[in-house]
Structures are given as C-alpha cells and as structure tokens.
C-alpha cells in the first residue's frame, strides 16, 4: 500500500473580515521538491494567476487517465505518439453541498499508422476503469477519446 502525504501552509490575517485576507497558499508533496502556489477561484476572491483546488481535481483526473492509458497501451504493444486532453468541470451551485459537476475529459490520442482504432478505444475505456483518481471521486468522470493516426 502506498501512502500519500501533502503539506500545506498559509500565513496572513483574517482580522479584517471575509473580504480582506489572502487566499494564496503553498502546497507540497514530499519527496517531490516542487511546491505549488495556490489560491481560491477568482469567484471566491482568489488570485486568477494561481491554480485553485477545483482545477487540481480536474487536472488529477486528467493526469491519471493519461498514465493509465499509456500503461495499458504499452502493455498491449500499441505505439502511442502523442496524447492531449482538455479537462473541464463546472461548480454545481445548485447541489447540496455545492460540488464539482461531471468532469469531462476530451482526449485526442495519436497512434502509429496501422494501429487498430477500436483497440485504442477499448484501451481508453479500460484505462478509465483502472484510473485510481476517477475511482476515488464522488463526481463522475467521463472520457471521450478521439484517435488520430500518424
């Protein structure tokens, strides 16, 4: 079993009320050395130049799908040349409690000439079923895969 640890820090003052404190904070996940500068969504007085937690959830689902797909393709002997994804979600303010709505991943996979497209689509579906992040979320994750041959 693998353990995942993160460290988060913020400093400032909330003494002047809800409208005045900085939403900027830093997160890290040792042993990785890179830290991530975060803020709230701009709708919640955050800095639009920094990533926010909602973006990170969509990004995590996207990254996990990529890694699961590449592993499945490599095991199947499929030559994947490129992979691009546009992940989207929207805050569902009508939900109780408020949450991210469906995460949509629109993936384009470029494969070597002669690759069987239905096989690639099957691998994309298998990768989705095996993605740890998507399996861990209460929010549905949907994947739409387009295959392009080089």
Protein backbone atom coordinates (compact mmCIF):
# COMPACT_ATOMS: atom_id res chain seq x y z
CA UNK A 1 0.00 0.00 0.00
CA UNK A 2 1.24 3.49 -0.83
CA UNK A 3 0.75 6.44 1.49
CA UNK A 4 0.31 9.96 0.14
CA UNK A 5 1.28 12.95 2.23
CA UNK A 6 0.94 16.61 1.46
CA UNK A 7 1.97 19.73 3.32
CA UNK A 8 0.09 22.99 3.08
CA UNK A 9 0.88 26.40 4.53
CA UNK A 10 -0.76 29.81 4.68
CA UNK A 11 0.02 32.93 6.64
CA UNK A 12 -1.70 36.26 6.92
CA UNK A 13 -4.52 37.68 9.00
CA UNK A 14 -8.29 37.28 8.96
CA UNK A 15 -8.71 40.10 11.48
CA UNK A 16 -10.29 42.44 8.94
CA UNK A 17 -13.03 40.07 7.81
CA UNK A 18 -14.00 37.82 4.93
CA UNK A 19 -13.14 40.29 2.17
CA UNK A 20 -9.63 41.13 3.27
CA UNK A 21 -7.45 38.06 3.77
CA UNK A 22 -5.23 36.50 1.13
CA UNK A 23 -6.37 33.21 -0.33
CA UNK A 24 -2.84 32.41 -1.57
CA UNK A 25 -1.18 29.35 -0.04
CA UNK A 26 1.53 26.82 -0.83
CA UNK A 27 1.26 23.05 -1.09
CA UNK A 28 3.95 20.41 -1.43
CA UNK A 29 4.06 16.62 -1.53
CA UNK A 30 7.43 15.28 -0.36
CA UNK A 31 9.62 13.73 -1.61
CA UNK A 32 8.74 15.83 -4.69
CA UNK A 33 10.69 19.06 -4.44
CA UNK A 34 8.31 21.30 -6.39
CA UNK A 35 5.81 23.33 -4.42
CA UNK A 36 2.55 24.57 -5.91
CA UNK A 37 1.30 28.08 -5.32
CA UNK A 38 -2.49 28.01 -4.97
CA UNK A 39 -5.38 30.34 -4.36
CA UNK A 40 -9.16 30.25 -4.36
CA UNK A 41 -11.16 30.53 -7.56
CA UNK A 42 -11.48 34.20 -8.58
CA UNK A 43 -15.23 33.96 -7.82
CA UNK A 44 -14.19 33.46 -4.19
CA UNK A 45 -11.70 36.36 -4.10
CA UNK A 46 -8.79 34.23 -5.27
CA UNK A 47 -5.87 35.13 -7.49
CA UNK A 48 -6.68 34.18 -11.12
CA UNK A 49 -2.95 33.80 -11.81
CA UNK A 50 -2.69 30.82 -9.44
CA UNK A 51 -4.13 27.32 -9.64
CA UNK A 52 -7.12 26.60 -7.43
CA UNK A 53 -8.23 23.34 -5.76
CA UNK A 54 -11.04 22.76 -8.25
CA UNK A 55 -8.59 22.95 -11.16
CA UNK A 56 -6.31 20.49 -9.37
CA UNK A 57 -9.13 17.94 -9.07
CA UNK A 58 -9.81 18.14 -12.83
CA UNK A 59 -6.05 18.04 -13.52
CA UNK A 60 -5.60 14.98 -11.30
CA UNK A 61 -8.36 13.10 -13.14
CA UNK A 62 -6.81 14.06 -16.47
CA UNK A 63 -3.29 13.05 -15.44
CA UNK A 64 -4.46 9.73 -14.01
CA UNK A 65 -6.35 8.91 -17.23
CA UNK A 66 -3.21 9.67 -19.26
CA UNK A 67 -0.96 7.49 -17.11
CA UNK A 68 -3.48 4.63 -17.00
CA UNK A 69 -3.92 4.79 -20.78
CA UNK A 70 -0.19 4.88 -21.55
CA UNK A 71 0.36 1.87 -19.30
CA UNK A 72 -2.47 -0.08 -20.94
CA UNK A 73 -1.23 0.84 -24.42
CA UNK A 74 2.36 -0.12 -23.65
CA UNK A 75 1.26 -3.48 -22.21
CA UNK A 76 -0.81 -4.08 -25.38
CA UNK A 77 2.08 -3.16 -27.70
CA UNK A 78 0.30 -0.07 -29.09
CA UNK A 79 2.60 2.73 -30.26
CA UNK A 80 1.13 5.97 -28.87
CA UNK A 81 2.90 9.01 -30.32
CA UNK A 82 1.01 11.85 -28.62
CA UNK A 83 -1.80 12.41 -26.16
CA UNK A 84 -3.71 15.62 -25.49
CA UNK A 85 -6.60 16.21 -23.15
CA UNK A 86 -8.92 19.11 -22.40
CA UNK A 87 -10.46 18.51 -18.99
CA UNK A 88 -13.46 20.54 -17.87
CA UNK A 89 -15.89 20.73 -14.99
CA UNK A 90 -18.20 23.31 -13.52
CA UNK A 91 -19.07 24.15 -9.94
CA UNK A 92 -22.62 22.92 -9.33
CA UNK A 93 -24.00 25.63 -7.05
CA UNK A 94 -27.48 24.05 -7.08
CA UNK A 95 -26.15 20.89 -5.41
CA UNK A 96 -26.30 20.42 -1.65
CA UNK A 97 -23.49 20.64 -0.71
CA UNK A 98 -22.00 22.64 -3.59
CA UNK A 99 -19.57 20.47 -5.56
CA UNK A 100 -17.88 19.99 -8.89
CA UNK A 101 -20.19 18.62 -11.54
CA UNK A 102 -19.19 15.94 -14.01
CA UNK A 103 -15.56 16.07 -15.07
CA UNK A 104 -15.34 15.75 -18.86
CA UNK A 105 -12.04 14.64 -20.39
CA UNK A 106 -11.82 15.20 -24.16
CA UNK A 107 -8.80 13.17 -25.22
CA UNK A 108 -7.06 13.03 -28.58
CA UNK A 109 -4.61 10.16 -29.00
CA UNK A 110 -2.17 9.99 -31.90
CA UNK A 111 -1.03 6.47 -32.75
CA UNK A 112 1.31 4.94 -35.31
CA UNK A 113 0.00 4.14 -38.79
CA UNK A 114 -1.72 0.77 -39.00
CA UNK A 115 -2.97 0.83 -35.40
CA UNK A 116 -6.46 -0.61 -34.90
CA UNK A 117 -8.73 2.24 -33.71
CA UNK A 118 -11.26 0.01 -31.86
CA UNK A 119 -8.38 -1.47 -29.86
CA UNK A 120 -7.22 2.01 -28.84
CA UNK A 121 -10.75 2.96 -27.80
CA UNK A 122 -11.05 -0.25 -25.75
CA UNK A 123 -7.75 0.57 -24.04
CA UNK A 124 -9.01 4.09 -23.26
CA UNK A 125 -12.12 2.60 -21.63
CA UNK A 126 -10.02 0.10 -19.67
CA UNK A 127 -7.73 2.92 -18.53
CA UNK A 128 -10.76 4.86 -17.31
CA UNK A 129 -11.98 1.89 -15.27
CA UNK A 130 -8.47 1.46 -13.80
CA UNK A 131 -7.84 5.16 -13.03
CA UNK A 132 -7.36 5.45 -9.27
CA UNK A 133 -8.36 9.11 -9.14
CA UNK A 134 -11.60 8.74 -11.12
CA UNK A 135 -12.49 5.71 -8.98
CA UNK A 136 -11.91 7.76 -5.83
CA UNK A 137 -14.15 10.70 -6.73
CA UNK A 138 -17.86 11.09 -5.97
CA UNK A 139 -18.04 13.33 -9.04
CA UNK A 140 -18.48 11.35 -12.27
CA UNK A 141 -15.59 11.42 -14.74
CA UNK A 142 -16.44 10.96 -18.40
CA UNK A 143 -13.84 10.33 -21.10
CA UNK A 144 -14.37 10.98 -24.81
CA UNK A 145 -11.45 9.67 -26.88
CA UNK A 146 -10.61 10.60 -30.46
CA UNK A 147 -7.98 8.51 -32.24
CA UNK A 148 -5.75 10.09 -34.89
CA UNK A 149 -3.33 8.03 -36.98
CA UNK A 150 0.10 9.47 -37.78
